[in-house]
Amino acid sequence: MTITTAKRFTVAEYHRLAELRFLADNNRFELIKGEIVKMAAKGTPHSVCETRLERELFKLVGERATLRGQQPIIIPDDSEPEPDLVIARNRDDNYLSSHPSPVDVLLLIEISDSTLSYDQGVKLPLYAEAGISDYWIFNLVANYLECYSQPYQDERGNFGDRQRVIFLPNESVNLPGFPELLVDLSKVFPIVKDRG
């Protein structure tokens, strides 16, 4: 019996595959724990939520930090996820020399409908292991915001966040790193009108 193992890639190898155009079709990919993962297509509610969230964050944050949408972050040495939004510390080179790493990330945001279990079960522990202190999931299935913080590792080596707080679409939430800034979630969640 032959046992096979999947090839796991480093960030450098992943970049090389992109340079050689192995990943150059119409699909989008990200590197998670050494595996190249095809990203799910976005539905209309996801796109609307993302657009509304970007609008609000740009108004609130301004020049205080760098907002990045659908751009990679580097988690050495085997992950390069592309979260929906990242608020990163400002850097003089605007991240021209490298994508943000966990120490640069003030807040990482995923917008989840079809990817909810993946964002909770795979990405949450990945971000916690990297030490990213604040992770938000706009849960479009249950229609609320999940705010995760305080990463930890348990005695079995599993990573997670100690704190999970839920905010409803009619509430406001403080922006991590900017306690004076409030995000009005009624301006972010897609408004679903009754078709009846």
C-alpha atoms as a PDB file:
ATOM      1  CA  MET A   1       0.000   0.000   0.000  1.00  0.00           C
ATOM      2  CA  THR A   2       1.377   3.382  -1.014  1.00  0.00           C
ATOM      3  CA  ILE A   3       0.766   6.348   1.243  1.00  0.00           C
ATOM      4  CA  THR A   4       0.676   9.716  -0.437  1.00  0.00           C
ATOM      5  CA  THR A   5       0.937  13.115   1.135  1.00  0.00           C
ATOM      6  CA  ALA A   6      -0.092  16.415  -0.360  1.00  0.00           C
ATOM      7  CA  LYS A   7       2.603  18.929  -1.201  1.00  0.00           C
ATOM      8  CA  ARG A   8       2.498  21.881   1.162  1.00  0.00           C
ATOM      9  CA  PHE A   9       3.816  25.193  -0.108  1.00  0.00           C
ATOM     10  CA  THR A  10       5.680  27.995   1.612  1.00  0.00           C
ATOM     11  CA  VAL A  11       4.730  31.607   0.951  1.00  0.00           C
ATOM     12  CA  ALA A  12       7.846  31.945  -1.245  1.00  0.00           C
ATOM     13  CA  GLU A  13       6.883  28.884  -3.317  1.00  0.00           C
ATOM     14  CA  TYR A  14       3.320  30.181  -3.649  1.00  0.00           C
ATOM     15  CA  HIS A  15       4.636  33.517  -4.951  1.00  0.00           C
ATOM     16  CA  ARG A  16       6.836  31.667  -7.427  1.00  0.00           C
ATOM     17  CA  LEU A  17       3.845  29.680  -8.736  1.00  0.00           C
ATOM     18  CA  ALA A  18       2.005  32.970  -9.247  1.00  0.00           C
ATOM     19  CA  GLU A  19       5.007  34.473 -11.074  1.00  0.00           C
ATOM     20  CA  LEU A  20       5.101  31.428 -13.357  1.00  0.00           C
ATOM     21  CA  ARG A  21       1.350  31.923 -14.014  1.00  0.00           C
ATOM     22  CA  PHE A  22       0.306  28.537 -12.621  1.00  0.00           C
ATOM     23  CA  LEU A  23      -2.446  30.361 -10.732  1.00  0.00           C
ATOM     24  CA  ALA A  24      -3.304  32.777 -13.541  1.00  0.00           C
ATOM     25  CA  ASP A  25      -6.773  31.687 -14.582  1.00  0.00           C
ATOM     26  CA  ASN A  26      -9.998  33.467 -13.640  1.00  0.00           C
ATOM     27  CA  ASN A  27     -10.074  31.834 -10.191  1.00  0.00           C
ATOM     28  CA  ARG A  28      -8.808  33.448  -7.024  1.00  0.00           C
ATOM     29  CA  PHE A  29      -6.660  31.512  -4.578  1.00  0.00           C
ATOM     30  CA  GLU A  30      -5.172  31.928  -1.131  1.00  0.00           C
ATOM     31  CA  LEU A  31      -2.536  29.956   0.750  1.00  0.00           C
ATOM     32  CA  ILE A  32      -3.749  28.441   4.036  1.00  0.00           C
ATOM     33  CA  LYS A  33      -1.366  26.306   6.111  1.00  0.00           C
ATOM     34  CA  GLY A  34       0.587  25.380   2.986  1.00  0.00           C
ATOM     35  CA  GLU A  35      -2.467  24.439   0.917  1.00  0.00           C
ATOM     36  CA  ILE A  36      -3.587  26.416  -2.119  1.00  0.00           C
ATOM     37  CA  VAL A  37      -7.311  27.006  -1.638  1.00  0.00           C
ATOM     38  CA  LYS A  38      -9.712  28.269  -4.290  1.00  0.00           C
ATOM     39  CA  MET A  39     -11.729  31.187  -2.938  1.00  0.00           C
ATOM     40  CA  ALA A  40     -15.511  31.047  -3.107  1.00  0.00           C
ATOM     41  CA  ALA A  41     -17.434  33.322  -5.439  1.00  0.00           C
ATOM     42  CA  LYS A  42     -19.210  36.241  -3.764  1.00  0.00           C
ATOM     43  CA  GLY A  43     -22.965  36.484  -3.757  1.00  0.00           C
ATOM     44  CA  THR A  44     -24.889  39.744  -3.900  1.00  0.00           C
ATOM     45  CA  PRO A  45     -25.442  40.109  -0.099  1.00  0.00           C
ATOM     46  CA  HIS A  46     -21.693  39.578   0.465  1.00  0.00           C
ATOM     47  CA  SER A  47     -20.775  42.226  -2.112  1.00  0.00           C
ATOM     48  CA  VAL A  48     -23.317  44.720  -0.762  1.00  0.00           C
ATOM     49  CA  CYS A  49     -22.135  44.223   2.830  1.00  0.00           C
ATOM     50  CA  GLU A  50     -18.507  44.631   1.754  1.00  0.00           C
ATOM     51  CA  THR A  51     -19.251  47.839  -0.174  1.00  0.00           C
ATOM     52  CA  ARG A  52     -21.245  49.337   2.700  1.00  0.00           C
ATOM     53  CA  LEU A  53     -18.564  48.348   5.240  1.00  0.00           C
ATOM     54  CA  GLU A  54     -15.752  49.853   3.152  1.00  0.00           C
ATOM     55  CA  ARG A  55     -17.708  53.102   2.847  1.00  0.00           C
ATOM     56  CA  GLU A  56     -18.202  53.339   6.622  1.00  0.00           C
ATOM     57  CA  LEU A  57     -14.619  52.423   7.491  1.00  0.00           C
ATOM     58  CA  PHE A  58     -13.158  54.944   5.029  1.00  0.00           C
ATOM     59  CA  LYS A  59     -15.292  57.683   6.612  1.00  0.00           C
ATOM     60  CA  LEU A  60     -14.302  56.681  10.156  1.00  0.00           C
ATOM     61  CA  VAL A  61     -10.642  55.760   9.817  1.00  0.00           C
ATOM     62  CA  GLY A  62      -9.498  58.284   7.216  1.00  0.00           C
ATOM     63  CA  GLU A  63      -5.709  58.611   7.343  1.00  0.00           C
ATOM     64  CA  ARG A  64      -5.329  57.033  10.802  1.00  0.00           C
ATOM     65  CA  ALA A  65      -4.665  53.568   9.373  1.00  0.00           C
ATOM     66  CA  THR A  66      -4.437  51.697   6.070  1.00  0.00           C
ATOM     67  CA  LEU A  67      -7.571  49.972   4.797  1.00  0.00           C
ATOM     68  CA  ARG A  68      -7.022  46.994   2.519  1.00  0.00           C
ATOM     69  CA  GLY A  69      -9.808  45.133   0.769  1.00  0.00           C
ATOM     70  CA  GLN A  70      -9.304  41.631  -0.651  1.00  0.00           C
ATOM     71  CA  GLN A  71      -5.527  42.015  -0.304  1.00  0.00           C
ATOM     72  CA  PRO A  72      -3.148  39.406   1.129  1.00  0.00           C
ATOM     73  CA  ILE A  73      -1.577  39.331   4.538  1.00  0.00           C
ATOM     74  CA  ILE A  74       1.475  37.185   5.244  1.00  0.00           C
ATOM     75  CA  ILE A  75       1.453  34.654   8.063  1.00  0.00           C
ATOM     76  CA  PRO A  76       4.934  33.171   7.954  1.00  0.00           C
ATOM     77  CA  ASP A  77       5.858  30.753   6.533  1.00  0.00           C
ATOM     78  CA  ASP A  78       2.922  28.921   5.017  1.00  0.00           C
ATOM     79  CA  SER A  79      -0.155  31.160   4.826  1.00  0.00           C
ATOM     80  CA  GLU A  80      -1.218  34.104   2.710  1.00  0.00           C
ATOM     81  CA  PRO A  81      -4.955  34.580   3.225  1.00  0.00           C
ATOM     82  CA  GLU A  82      -6.896  37.348   1.482  1.00  0.00           C
ATOM     83  CA  PRO A  83      -9.423  38.605   4.031  1.00  0.00           C
ATOM     84  CA  ASP A  84     -12.340  40.723   2.897  1.00  0.00           C
ATOM     85  CA  LEU A  85     -10.989  43.740   4.789  1.00  0.00           C
ATOM     86  CA  VAL A  86      -7.984  44.569   6.947  1.00  0.00           C
ATOM     87  CA  ILE A  87      -7.252  47.668   8.964  1.00  0.00           C
ATOM     88  CA  ALA A  88      -3.463  47.821   9.199  1.00  0.00           C
ATOM     89  CA  ARG A  89      -1.039  50.227  10.815  1.00  0.00           C
ATOM     90  CA  ASN A  90       0.174  52.929   8.469  1.00  0.00           C
ATOM     91  CA  ARG A  91       3.598  52.289   7.009  1.00  0.00           C
ATOM     92  CA  ASP A  92       5.793  54.772   5.133  1.00  0.00           C
ATOM     93  CA  ASP A  93       6.015  52.532   2.050  1.00  0.00           C
ATOM     94  CA  ASN A  94       2.243  51.762   2.027  1.00  0.00           C
ATOM     95  CA  TYR A  95       3.161  48.049   2.070  1.00  0.00           C
ATOM     96  CA  LEU A  96       5.059  48.214  -1.213  1.00  0.00           C
ATOM     97  CA  SER A  97       7.953  46.172   0.220  1.00  0.00           C
ATOM     98  CA  SER A  98       5.705  43.428   1.626  1.00  0.00           C
ATOM     99  CA  HIS A  99       2.128  42.652   2.518  1.00  0.00           C
ATOM    100  CA  PRO A 100       1.099  43.237   6.144  1.00  0.00           C
ATOM    101  CA  SER A 101       2.075  40.611   8.694  1.00  0.00           C
ATOM    102  CA  PRO A 102       0.150  39.896  11.920  1.00  0.00           C
ATOM    103  CA  VAL A 103       1.982  42.663  13.843  1.00  0.00           C
ATOM    104  CA  ASP A 104       0.651  45.199  11.323  1.00  0.00           C
ATOM    105  CA  VAL A 105      -2.994  44.088  11.591  1.00  0.00           C
ATOM    106  CA  LEU A 106      -5.281  46.121  13.849  1.00  0.00           C
ATOM    107  CA  LEU A 107      -8.469  44.387  12.704  1.00  0.00           C
ATOM    108  CA  LEU A 108      -9.156  41.571  10.276  1.00  0.00           C
ATOM    109  CA  ILE A 109     -12.654  41.159   8.801  1.00  0.00           C
ATOM    110  CA  GLU A 110     -14.374  38.376   6.890  1.00  0.00           C
ATOM    111  CA  ILE A 111     -17.878  38.625   5.440  1.00  0.00           C
ATOM    112  CA  SER A 112     -19.455  35.191   5.581  1.00  0.00           C
ATOM    113  CA  ASP A 113     -22.403  33.466   4.042  1.00  0.00           C
ATOM    114  CA  SER A 114     -21.391  30.319   2.118  1.00  0.00           C
ATOM    115  CA  THR A 115     -17.923  30.440   3.784  1.00  0.00           C
ATOM    116  CA  LEU A 116     -19.153  30.767   7.380  1.00  0.00           C
ATOM    117  CA  SER A 117     -17.967  27.368   8.662  1.00  0.00           C
ATOM    118  CA  TYR A 118     -14.593  27.871   6.934  1.00  0.00           C
ATOM    119  CA  ASP A 119     -14.137  31.360   8.402  1.00  0.00           C
ATOM    120  CA  GLN A 120     -15.049  30.090  11.890  1.00  0.00           C
ATOM    121  CA  GLY A 121     -13.349  26.685  11.800  1.00  0.00           C
ATOM    122  CA  VAL A 122     -10.226  27.237   9.693  1.00  0.00           C
ATOM    123  CA  LYS A 123      -9.476  30.944   9.543  1.00  0.00           C
ATOM    124  CA  LEU A 124     -10.295  31.788  13.166  1.00  0.00           C
ATOM    125  CA  PRO A 125      -7.665  29.388  14.581  1.00  0.00           C
ATOM    126  CA  LEU A 126      -5.193  30.456  11.857  1.00  0.00           C
ATOM    127  CA  TYR A 127      -5.562  34.115  12.832  1.00  0.00           C
ATOM    128  CA  ALA A 128      -5.482  33.283  16.559  1.00  0.00           C
ATOM    129  CA  GLU A 129      -2.283  31.268  16.126  1.00  0.00           C
ATOM    130  CA  ALA A 130      -0.748  34.237  14.296  1.00  0.00           C
ATOM    131  CA  GLY A 131      -1.595  36.446  17.289  1.00  0.00           C
ATOM    132  CA  ILE A 132      -4.082  38.667  15.446  1.00  0.00           C
ATOM    133  CA  SER A 133      -5.875  40.272  18.358  1.00  0.00           C
ATOM    134  CA  ASP A 134      -9.173  41.264  16.718  1.00  0.00           C
ATOM    135  CA  TYR A 135     -11.147  39.280  14.142  1.00  0.00           C
ATOM    136  CA  TRP A 136     -14.649  40.118  12.972  1.00  0.00           C
ATOM    137  CA  ILE A 137     -17.025  37.914  11.022  1.00  0.00           C
ATOM    138  CA  PHE A 138     -20.034  39.578   9.448  1.00  0.00           C
ATOM    139  CA  ASN A 139     -22.274  36.535   9.700  1.00  0.00           C
ATOM    140  CA  LEU A 140     -24.815  36.984   6.896  1.00  0.00           C
ATOM    141  CA  VAL A 141     -26.447  33.626   7.688  1.00  0.00           C
ATOM    142  CA  ALA A 142     -27.555  34.674  11.202  1.00  0.00           C
ATOM    143  CA  ASN A 143     -27.421  38.399  10.348  1.00  0.00           C
ATOM    144  CA  TYR A 144     -25.113  39.589  13.121  1.00  0.00           C
ATOM    145  CA  LEU A 145     -21.492  40.561  13.718  1.00  0.00           C
ATOM    146  CA  GLU A 146     -19.217  38.132  15.583  1.00  0.00           C
ATOM    147  CA  CYS A 147     -16.290  39.917  17.270  1.00  0.00           C
ATOM    148  CA  TYR A 148     -13.440  37.650  18.369  1.00  0.00           C
ATOM    149  CA  SER A 149     -10.503  38.744  20.533  1.00  0.00           C
ATOM    150  CA  GLN A 150      -7.878  37.535  22.999  1.00  0.00           C
ATOM    151  CA  PRO A 151      -6.183  34.696  21.083  1.00  0.00           C
ATOM    152  CA  TYR A 152      -5.019  31.695  23.099  1.00  0.00           C
ATOM    153  CA  GLN A 153      -3.618  28.180  22.734  1.00  0.00           C
ATOM    154  CA  ASP A 154      -5.106  25.343  24.766  1.00  0.00           C
ATOM    155  CA  GLU A 155      -3.178  22.457  26.354  1.00  0.00           C
ATOM    156  CA  ARG A 156      -3.714  20.278  23.247  1.00  0.00           C
ATOM    157  CA  GLY A 157      -2.185  22.891  20.957  1.00  0.00           C
ATOM    158  CA  ASN A 158      -5.450  24.182  19.480  1.00  0.00           C
ATOM    159  CA  PHE A 159      -5.848  27.901  18.878  1.00  0.00           C
ATOM    160  CA  GLY A 160      -8.901  30.068  19.349  1.00  0.00           C
ATOM    161  CA  ASP A 161     -10.134  33.296  20.886  1.00  0.00           C
ATOM    162  CA  ARG A 162     -11.218  33.636  24.513  1.00  0.00           C
ATOM    163  CA  GLN A 163     -13.838  36.222  23.773  1.00  0.00           C
ATOM    164  CA  ARG A 164     -16.722  36.160  21.290  1.00  0.00           C
ATOM    165  CA  VAL A 165     -19.214  39.015  21.385  1.00  0.00           C
ATOM    166  CA  ILE A 166     -22.283  39.293  19.146  1.00  0.00           C
ATOM    167  CA  PHE A 167     -23.600  42.611  17.812  1.00  0.00           C
ATOM    168  CA  LEU A 168     -26.950  42.901  16.085  1.00  0.00           C
ATOM    169  CA  PRO A 169     -27.505  44.897  12.880  1.00  0.00           C
ATOM    170  CA  ASN A 170     -29.242  47.717  14.769  1.00  0.00           C
ATOM    171  CA  GLU A 171     -26.296  48.217  17.171  1.00  0.00           C
ATOM    172  CA  SER A 172     -22.955  50.018  17.040  1.00  0.00           C
ATOM    173  CA  VAL A 173     -19.538  48.604  17.856  1.00  0.00           C
ATOM    174  CA  ASN A 174     -16.229  50.236  18.826  1.00  0.00           C
ATOM    175  CA  LEU A 175     -13.459  49.894  16.292  1.00  0.00           C
ATOM    176  CA  PRO A 176     -10.448  48.057  17.808  1.00  0.00           C
ATOM    177  CA  GLY A 177      -7.470  50.367  18.159  1.00  0.00           C
ATOM    178  CA  PHE A 178      -9.739  53.410  17.895  1.00  0.00           C
ATOM    179  CA  PRO A 179     -11.991  53.396  20.982  1.00  0.00           C
ATOM    180  CA  GLU A 180     -13.495  56.749  20.017  1.00  0.00           C
ATOM    181  CA  LEU A 181     -14.780  55.393  16.685  1.00  0.00           C
ATOM    182  CA  LEU A 182     -18.133  53.607  16.466  1.00  0.00           C
ATOM    183  CA  VAL A 183     -19.304  51.549  13.497  1.00  0.00           C
ATOM    184  CA  ASP A 184     -23.070  51.869  13.009  1.00  0.00           C
ATOM    185  CA  LEU A 185     -23.961  48.361  11.852  1.00  0.00           C
ATOM    186  CA  SER A 186     -27.279  49.499  10.401  1.00  0.00           C
ATOM    187  CA  LYS A 187     -25.187  51.205   7.723  1.00  0.00           C
ATOM    188  CA  VAL A 188     -23.270  47.986   6.970  1.00  0.00           C
ATOM    189  CA  PHE A 189     -25.598  44.982   6.920  1.00  0.00           C
ATOM    190  CA  PRO A 190     -27.519  44.575   3.651  1.00  0.00           C
ATOM    191  CA  ILE A 191     -31.102  45.708   3.911  1.00  0.00           C
ATOM    192  CA  VAL A 192     -33.370  42.824   2.940  1.00  0.00           C
ATOM    193  CA  LYS A 193     -36.737  44.047   1.720  1.00  0.00           C
ATOM    194  CA  ASP A 194     -39.779  41.833   1.905  1.00  0.00           C
ATOM    195  CA  ARG A 195     -40.797  40.787  -1.615  1.00  0.00           C
ATOM    196  CA  GLY A 196     -44.320  39.882  -0.543  1.00  0.00           C
END
